[in-house]
Amino acid sequence: MNKELLRTLSAQLDTPSYIFDLDAFNKRAALVRKYFGEKTGLCFSIKANPFLLGRLPETFDKIEVCSPGELTVCEKTGVDMSKIIFSGVNKTEKDVHRAADDEVGTFTAESRLHVKMINAEGVARGKVFPVLLRVTDVKGGTQFGMEEKEVLDIIANREDYKGMEIVGIHYFTGTQKKKAKPIERELAYITDLLDRVKAELGFVIERVEYGTGLAVDYFDDNADALEEERLASISEPIRALAEKAALTVEMGRFFAAPCGYYLTKVIDAKTNYDINYVIVDGGLNQLKYDGQLQGMQIPKIVHLKNHDGEDGVKAWTLCGSLCTTADILARAAEFDSLAIGDILVFCRTGAYSVTEGMAVFLSREMPQVSVYSEKSFP
């Protein structure tokens, strides 16, 4: 969004508030499709931004849901439940039963307990549920998924499970990967695993859900170009894997981050021991940029003046409304004639920021959430 459009929209909103640009969201999804090709399915992980769920472009084939709360969002939004991959490290019998009632398209299993629960639910209903077995990070493992040897054992004994069908694997190791090499190694591992399972167990893994963890640049003026370069750098091995199995690439941050804007108003301004401070009506309870200590980096911030005075360029420490010295949004950020009543717009806040902050700390008012599209805005 350009500055004038942000000014027009800000005049219609209270602060603090979020605006999510649906056109930018759709554009990002189309860009990923361009590089990964038509054979690669795209999955939106709604933990990145559940507010976009009811407005997903047709580009997305799947929706990753990781909690009962996210399942509730899907139910209330009326999405196509057959698109849902019901994931998450913590599943209970109640969760599995409810997801089965909702007729989700696919379950993931991150442990033998998950396998047991999903299979039992299928047997009880006289149904066979499609299941993706999650393989943990082969570099040493995390709490997510299972060791390869355990996954192979479950596949080897697949005839024991009458209420589920193992249709594929799920592999995701982490986020904010800036280089192609780690992703290339993971894709090579998945390809090798598919070949070994077929050769050793006589089983064809038909589907792969893979999370690239592709990085988003929050503090670089050339962010869009850098992110497109990353897409291009992994497009060839992604397309190659899509030729071996029905590949779905799952991402949340990479799809949604560029579409978000956080608006907060300057409420107070003062100078303490030669440091200029402003207090805004938002704060770190609502705004979080990934991977950085709050205030140590300066993101792109658009300054919307609501006054006529001129005071020159000064460096300001931007502070939120919380009673903690940790509530710093940026240090030494330079603005021309910043004053009480002005609006500051933090860009690239479309992923996680709206839900990842300490929302209830100090019981401050929750931010408004709005969506924008050129098609619906006069």
Protein backbone atom coordinates (compact mmCIF):
# COMPACT_ATOMS: atom_id res chain seq x y z
CA MET A 1 0.00 0.00 0.00
CA ASN A 2 1.21 3.51 -0.71
CA LYS A 3 1.21 6.27 1.88
CA GLU A 4 -1.90 8.03 0.59
CA LEU A 5 -3.96 4.84 0.67
CA LEU A 6 -2.79 4.15 4.22
CA ARG A 7 -3.79 7.69 5.18
CA THR A 8 -7.25 7.22 3.66
CA LEU A 9 -7.79 3.92 5.43
CA SER A 10 -6.41 5.16 8.75
CA ALA A 11 -9.01 7.94 8.77
CA GLN A 12 -11.72 5.26 8.92
CA LEU A 13 -10.15 3.22 11.72
CA ASP A 14 -9.42 3.54 15.40
CA THR A 15 -6.00 2.62 16.72
CA PRO A 16 -4.38 0.29 17.43
CA SER A 17 -5.50 -1.75 14.44
CA TYR A 18 -4.37 -4.16 11.75
CA ILE A 19 -5.11 -3.95 8.04
CA PHE A 20 -4.55 -7.03 5.90
CA ASP A 21 -4.21 -6.38 2.18
CA LEU A 22 -5.95 -9.27 0.40
CA ASP A 23 -4.54 -8.20 -2.97
CA ALA A 24 -0.98 -8.48 -1.64
CA PHE A 25 -1.82 -11.86 -0.09
CA ASN A 26 -3.19 -13.18 -3.38
CA LYS A 27 -0.20 -11.79 -5.26
CA ARG A 28 2.23 -13.63 -2.95
CA ALA A 29 0.35 -16.93 -3.38
CA ALA A 30 0.43 -16.48 -7.16
CA LEU A 31 4.18 -15.79 -7.04
CA VAL A 32 4.83 -19.05 -5.18
CA ARG A 33 2.67 -20.93 -7.69
CA LYS A 34 4.67 -19.40 -10.54
CA TYR A 35 7.97 -20.74 -9.21
CA PHE A 36 6.80 -24.10 -7.81
CA GLY A 37 4.62 -25.04 -10.77
CA GLU A 38 1.10 -26.39 -11.20
CA LYS A 39 1.99 -29.89 -10.00
CA THR A 40 2.93 -28.59 -6.55
CA GLY A 41 0.03 -28.12 -4.16
CA LEU A 42 0.04 -25.12 -1.83
CA CYS A 43 -1.04 -25.28 1.81
CA PHE A 44 -1.69 -22.26 4.02
CA SER A 45 -0.83 -22.82 7.67
CA ILE A 46 -3.49 -20.73 9.40
CA LYS A 47 -1.49 -20.28 12.60
CA ALA A 48 0.31 -17.53 10.66
CA ASN A 49 -2.91 -15.53 10.32
CA PRO A 50 -6.36 -17.01 10.99
CA PHE A 51 -8.02 -13.74 9.96
CA LEU A 52 -7.22 -14.52 6.33
CA LEU A 53 -8.91 -17.91 6.41
CA GLY A 54 -12.29 -16.91 4.98
CA ARG A 55 -10.59 -15.07 2.14
CA LEU A 56 -8.10 -17.59 0.82
CA PRO A 57 -7.41 -17.42 -2.91
CA GLU A 58 -8.19 -20.50 -4.99
CA THR A 59 -4.43 -20.98 -5.34
CA PHE A 60 -4.42 -22.86 -2.04
CA ASP A 61 -5.17 -26.58 -2.21
CA LYS A 62 -4.87 -27.33 1.51
CA ILE A 63 -5.24 -25.67 4.92
CA GLU A 64 -3.07 -26.74 7.85
CA VAL A 65 -4.90 -26.71 11.21
CA CYS A 66 -2.89 -27.33 14.39
CA SER A 67 -5.30 -26.94 17.31
CA PRO A 68 -8.93 -27.29 18.40
CA GLY A 69 -9.19 -23.49 18.38
CA GLU A 70 -8.08 -23.31 14.77
CA LEU A 71 -10.61 -26.01 13.95
CA THR A 72 -13.27 -23.79 15.51
CA VAL A 73 -12.17 -20.94 13.25
CA CYS A 74 -12.57 -23.26 10.26
CA GLU A 75 -16.03 -24.35 11.40
CA LYS A 76 -17.23 -20.77 11.89
CA THR A 77 -15.69 -19.60 8.63
CA GLY A 78 -17.33 -22.38 6.66
CA VAL A 79 -14.23 -23.51 4.77
CA ASP A 80 -14.14 -26.72 2.76
CA MET A 81 -13.24 -29.25 5.47
CA SER A 82 -11.89 -31.69 2.91
CA LYS A 83 -8.98 -29.29 2.39
CA ILE A 84 -7.91 -29.46 6.02
CA ILE A 85 -4.75 -31.25 7.12
CA PHE A 86 -5.39 -31.72 10.85
CA SER A 87 -1.92 -31.45 12.34
CA GLY A 88 -0.40 -30.48 15.69
CA VAL A 89 1.86 -32.14 18.24
CA ASN A 90 -0.89 -32.34 20.91
CA LYS A 91 -3.93 -34.34 19.82
CA THR A 92 -6.41 -35.89 22.24
CA GLU A 93 -9.09 -38.49 21.61
CA LYS A 94 -11.63 -35.68 21.83
CA ASP A 95 -9.74 -33.69 19.18
CA VAL A 96 -9.54 -36.66 16.82
CA HIS A 97 -13.24 -37.42 17.34
CA ARG A 98 -14.20 -33.83 16.61
CA ALA A 99 -12.01 -33.61 13.51
CA ALA A 100 -13.58 -36.84 12.29
CA ASP A 101 -17.04 -35.34 12.86
CA ASP A 102 -15.94 -32.37 10.75
CA GLU A 103 -14.75 -34.75 8.02
CA VAL A 104 -11.32 -33.19 7.70
CA GLY A 105 -9.44 -34.32 4.64
CA THR A 106 -6.28 -35.67 6.25
CA PHE A 107 -4.78 -36.34 9.69
CA THR A 108 -1.12 -36.14 10.58
CA ALA A 109 0.37 -38.51 13.16
CA GLU A 110 3.32 -37.26 15.21
CA SER A 111 3.58 -40.24 17.55
CA ARG A 112 2.43 -43.82 18.04
CA LEU A 113 -0.28 -42.45 20.31
CA HIS A 114 -1.62 -40.39 17.42
CA VAL A 115 -1.58 -43.47 15.20
CA LYS A 116 -3.46 -45.44 17.86
CA MET A 117 -6.12 -42.75 18.38
CA ILE A 118 -6.73 -42.06 14.70
CA ASN A 119 -6.88 -45.76 13.85
CA ALA A 120 -9.28 -46.44 16.75
CA GLU A 121 -11.56 -43.62 15.64
CA GLY A 122 -11.61 -44.99 12.11
CA VAL A 123 -12.40 -48.53 13.30
CA ALA A 124 -15.20 -47.25 15.56
CA ARG A 125 -16.78 -45.40 12.65
CA GLY A 126 -16.18 -48.09 10.06
CA LYS A 127 -14.06 -45.65 8.11
CA VAL A 128 -10.48 -45.40 6.89
CA PHE A 129 -8.82 -42.03 7.52
CA PRO A 130 -5.96 -40.77 5.32
CA VAL A 131 -2.87 -40.21 7.49
CA LEU A 132 0.48 -38.50 6.96
CA LEU A 133 3.24 -39.75 9.25
CA ARG A 134 5.46 -36.92 10.46
CA VAL A 135 9.19 -37.58 10.38
CA THR A 136 11.23 -35.57 12.87
CA ASP A 137 14.28 -33.53 11.92
CA VAL A 138 16.96 -36.00 10.87
CA LYS A 139 19.70 -33.67 12.20
CA GLY A 140 18.87 -34.69 15.73
CA GLY A 141 15.16 -34.52 16.22
CA THR A 142 12.75 -32.23 18.02
CA GLN A 143 9.52 -32.81 19.91
CA PHE A 144 7.75 -32.86 16.55
CA GLY A 145 7.22 -36.07 14.63
CA MET A 146 8.89 -39.47 15.02
CA GLU A 147 12.29 -40.92 14.25
CA GLU A 148 12.62 -42.41 10.80
CA LYS A 149 13.00 -45.93 12.18
CA GLU A 150 9.68 -45.62 14.00
CA VAL A 151 7.93 -44.29 10.91
CA LEU A 152 9.35 -47.18 8.89
CA ASP A 153 8.15 -49.67 11.49
CA ILE A 154 4.62 -48.27 11.33
CA ILE A 155 4.68 -48.50 7.53
CA ALA A 156 6.04 -52.05 7.69
CA ASN A 157 3.11 -53.02 9.94
CA ARG A 158 0.52 -51.01 8.05
CA GLU A 159 -1.83 -54.00 7.75
CA ASP A 160 -2.40 -53.78 11.52
CA TYR A 161 -4.23 -50.49 11.12
CA LYS A 162 -7.72 -51.04 9.73
CA GLY A 163 -9.06 -47.57 10.52
CA MET A 164 -6.43 -45.53 8.73
CA GLU A 165 -4.47 -45.50 5.51
CA ILE A 166 -0.91 -44.24 5.43
CA VAL A 167 -0.95 -42.00 2.39
CA GLY A 168 2.30 -40.11 2.88
CA ILE A 169 4.75 -38.27 5.12
CA HIS A 170 4.96 -34.85 6.66
CA TYR A 171 8.34 -33.13 7.00
CA PHE A 172 9.07 -29.71 8.47
CA THR A 173 12.13 -28.77 10.52
CA GLY A 174 11.96 -25.05 11.21
CA THR A 175 11.47 -21.58 9.86
CA GLN A 176 13.31 -18.51 8.59
CA LYS A 177 15.73 -20.38 6.30
CA LYS A 178 17.55 -17.79 4.22
CA LYS A 179 19.73 -20.14 2.17
CA ALA A 180 18.76 -22.74 -0.40
CA LYS A 181 21.22 -25.41 0.81
CA PRO A 182 19.31 -26.59 3.91
CA ILE A 183 16.11 -26.88 1.89
CA GLU A 184 17.92 -28.71 -0.91
CA ARG A 185 19.30 -31.20 1.63
CA GLU A 186 15.84 -31.79 3.07
CA LEU A 187 14.32 -32.36 -0.36
CA ALA A 188 17.13 -34.79 -1.19
CA TYR A 189 16.46 -36.64 2.07
CA ILE A 190 12.73 -36.90 1.30
CA THR A 191 13.48 -38.17 -2.20
CA ASP A 192 15.85 -40.80 -0.81
CA LEU A 193 13.31 -41.83 1.83
CA LEU A 194 10.64 -42.36 -0.82
CA ASP A 195 13.02 -44.56 -2.80
CA ARG A 196 14.10 -46.61 0.23
CA VAL A 197 10.56 -47.20 1.46
CA LYS A 198 9.57 -48.47 -1.95
CA ALA A 199 12.63 -50.71 -2.32
CA GLU A 200 12.75 -52.08 1.24
CA LEU A 201 9.09 -52.16 2.26
CA GLY A 202 7.33 -52.44 -1.08
CA PHE A 203 5.28 -49.37 -0.21
CA VAL A 204 4.77 -46.30 -2.38
CA ILE A 205 4.55 -43.02 -0.49
CA GLU A 206 1.95 -41.22 -2.54
CA ARG A 207 1.90 -37.84 -0.78
CA VAL A 208 4.40 -35.48 0.83
CA GLU A 209 3.55 -32.42 2.88
CA TYR A 210 6.70 -30.34 3.15
CA GLY A 211 7.25 -27.07 5.01
CA THR A 212 10.10 -25.13 3.44
CA GLY A 213 10.51 -22.67 6.32
CA LEU A 214 11.46 -20.10 3.71
CA ALA A 215 12.60 -16.85 5.31
CA VAL A 216 10.88 -13.48 5.28
CA ASP A 217 12.97 -10.29 5.48
CA TYR A 218 11.46 -7.87 7.96
CA PHE A 219 14.22 -5.26 8.08
CA ASP A 220 15.55 -5.04 4.52
CA ASP A 221 14.38 -2.39 2.04
CA ASN A 222 14.87 -4.92 -0.76
CA ALA A 223 12.77 -7.61 0.94
CA ASP A 224 10.48 -8.52 -1.97
CA ALA A 225 13.38 -9.09 -4.36
CA LEU A 226 15.33 -11.14 -1.81
CA GLU A 227 12.34 -13.36 -1.11
CA GLU A 228 11.66 -13.92 -4.78
CA GLU A 229 15.29 -14.92 -5.23
CA ARG A 230 14.82 -17.55 -2.51
CA LEU A 231 11.76 -18.92 -4.27
CA ALA A 232 13.69 -19.17 -7.52
CA SER A 233 16.67 -20.85 -5.82
CA ILE A 234 14.60 -23.83 -4.61
CA SER A 235 12.10 -24.05 -7.47
CA GLU A 236 13.97 -26.76 -9.38
CA PRO A 237 14.25 -29.35 -6.56
CA ILE A 238 10.66 -28.58 -5.49
CA ARG A 239 9.40 -29.29 -9.00
CA ALA A 240 11.52 -32.45 -9.17
CA LEU A 241 9.98 -33.84 -5.97
CA ALA A 242 6.51 -33.01 -7.29
CA GLU A 243 7.24 -35.40 -10.15
CA LYS A 244 7.89 -38.28 -7.71
CA ALA A 245 4.93 -37.78 -5.34
CA ALA A 246 1.88 -35.59 -4.83
CA LEU A 247 3.76 -32.75 -3.16
CA THR A 248 2.09 -30.07 -1.06
CA VAL A 249 4.27 -27.20 0.15
CA GLU A 250 3.06 -25.77 3.45
CA MET A 251 3.93 -22.22 4.46
CA GLY A 252 2.30 -19.53 6.52
CA ARG A 253 4.75 -16.72 7.20
CA PHE A 254 6.02 -16.52 3.64
CA PHE A 255 2.52 -16.22 2.22
CA ALA A 256 1.10 -13.74 4.71
CA ALA A 257 3.86 -11.50 6.07
CA PRO A 258 3.90 -8.87 3.29
CA CYS A 259 0.13 -8.22 3.46
CA GLY A 260 -0.07 -6.78 6.98
CA TYR A 261 -0.01 -3.23 8.39
CA TYR A 262 -0.18 -2.32 12.09
CA LEU A 263 -1.45 1.17 12.89
CA THR A 264 -0.75 2.79 16.24
CA LYS A 265 -1.14 6.40 17.39
CA VAL A 266 1.37 8.60 19.20
CA ILE A 267 -0.19 9.38 22.58
CA ASP A 268 2.66 11.12 24.39
CA ALA A 269 6.16 12.47 23.71
CA LYS A 270 9.00 13.43 26.05
CA THR A 271 12.77 13.61 26.44
CA ASN A 272 14.58 11.83 29.29
CA TYR A 273 18.34 12.41 29.58
CA ASP A 274 18.66 13.42 25.92
CA ILE A 275 16.69 10.41 24.62
CA ASN A 276 13.43 11.20 22.84
CA TYR A 277 10.56 8.88 23.72
CA VAL A 278 7.08 8.52 22.30
CA ILE A 279 4.33 6.43 23.81
CA VAL A 280 1.97 4.78 21.33
CA ASP A 281 -1.39 3.16 22.02
CA GLY A 282 -0.15 -0.23 20.83
CA GLY A 283 2.87 -2.20 22.00
CA LEU A 284 4.68 -5.51 22.00
CA ASN A 285 1.52 -7.16 23.32
CA GLN A 286 0.19 -6.74 19.77
CA LEU A 287 3.24 -6.37 17.55
CA LYS A 288 6.07 -8.85 17.14
CA TYR A 289 8.69 -9.22 14.44
CA ASP A 290 10.21 -12.68 14.18
CA GLY A 291 13.72 -13.53 15.15
CA GLN A 292 14.81 -10.24 16.67
CA LEU A 293 14.91 -8.75 20.15
CA GLN A 294 12.19 -6.13 20.27
CA GLY A 295 13.53 -2.72 19.37
CA MET A 296 16.96 -3.88 18.19
CA GLN A 297 16.03 -3.53 14.53
CA ILE A 298 13.97 -0.91 12.77
CA PRO A 299 11.32 -2.23 10.37
CA LYS A 300 9.71 -0.14 7.66
CA ILE A 301 7.45 2.39 9.41
CA VAL A 302 5.21 4.84 7.53
CA HIS A 303 4.66 8.16 9.34
CA LEU A 304 1.21 9.70 8.85
CA LYS A 305 1.24 13.28 10.16
CA ASN A 306 -1.91 14.67 11.76
CA HIS A 307 -0.53 18.14 12.51
CA ASP A 308 0.86 21.17 10.66
CA GLY A 309 3.95 21.91 12.76
CA GLU A 310 7.53 21.41 11.60
CA ASP A 311 10.14 20.31 14.13
CA GLY A 312 12.80 18.66 11.95
CA VAL A 313 14.18 15.14 11.88
CA LYS A 314 14.83 13.50 15.24
CA ALA A 315 15.62 10.03 16.48
CA TRP A 316 12.88 8.51 18.66
CA THR A 317 12.54 5.46 20.85
CA LEU A 318 9.08 4.05 20.21
CA CYS A 319 7.43 2.63 23.32
CA GLY A 320 4.15 0.84 23.77
CA SER A 321 1.51 1.12 26.49
CA LEU A 322 2.68 -1.65 28.79
CA CYS A 323 4.20 -1.09 32.23
CA THR A 324 7.49 -2.77 31.40
CA THR A 325 10.79 -1.47 30.06
CA ALA A 326 10.69 -4.33 27.56
CA ASP A 327 7.89 -2.62 25.61
CA ILE A 328 10.16 -1.08 22.97
CA LEU A 329 9.05 -1.23 19.33
CA ALA A 330 12.10 0.52 17.87
CA ARG A 331 15.10 2.49 19.09
CA ALA A 332 16.54 5.58 17.43
CA ALA A 333 14.02 5.52 14.60
CA GLU A 334 14.19 8.80 12.69
CA PHE A 335 11.06 10.78 11.82
CA ASP A 336 10.44 14.27 10.51
CA SER A 337 8.39 16.30 12.99
CA LEU A 338 6.83 13.40 14.88
CA ALA A 339 4.12 14.62 17.24
CA ILE A 340 1.23 13.56 19.46
CA GLY A 341 -1.71 12.42 17.36
CA ASP A 342 0.38 11.13 14.45
CA ILE A 343 -0.12 7.57 13.19
CA LEU A 344 2.77 5.14 12.76
CA VAL A 345 2.19 2.22 10.38
CA PHE A 346 4.43 -0.83 10.86
CA CYS A 347 4.70 -2.78 7.59
CA ARG A 348 5.07 -6.51 6.82
CA THR A 349 3.04 -7.58 9.85
CA GLY A 350 0.71 -10.02 8.08
CA ALA A 351 2.06 -13.19 9.71
CA TYR A 352 2.05 -14.11 13.41
CA SER A 353 2.32 -10.55 14.72
CA VAL A 354 -1.41 -10.19 15.31
CA THR A 355 -1.61 -13.42 17.33
CA GLU A 356 1.90 -13.93 18.72
CA GLY A 357 2.08 -10.98 21.10
CA MET A 358 1.25 -11.05 24.82
CA ALA A 359 -2.35 -10.18 24.04
CA VAL A 360 -3.79 -10.13 27.55
CA PHE A 361 -0.83 -8.62 29.43
CA LEU A 362 -2.03 -5.50 31.29
CA SER A 363 -5.52 -6.05 29.83
CA ARG A 364 -5.06 -3.39 27.15
CA GLU A 365 -7.70 -3.03 24.46
CA MET A 366 -7.41 -5.55 21.64
CA PRO A 367 -6.56 -4.18 18.18
CA GLN A 368 -9.19 -3.83 15.50
CA VAL A 369 -8.70 -6.11 12.49
CA SER A 370 -9.72 -5.08 8.97
CA VAL A 371 -9.13 -6.42 5.48
CA TYR A 372 -8.67 -4.40 2.31
CA SER A 373 -9.06 -5.18 -1.37
CA GLU A 374 -9.00 -2.77 -4.28
CA LYS A 375 -12.00 -4.63 -5.71
CA SER A 376 -14.23 -3.69 -2.79
CA PHE A 377 -12.86 -0.24 -1.96
CA PRO A 378 -14.36 2.69 -3.86
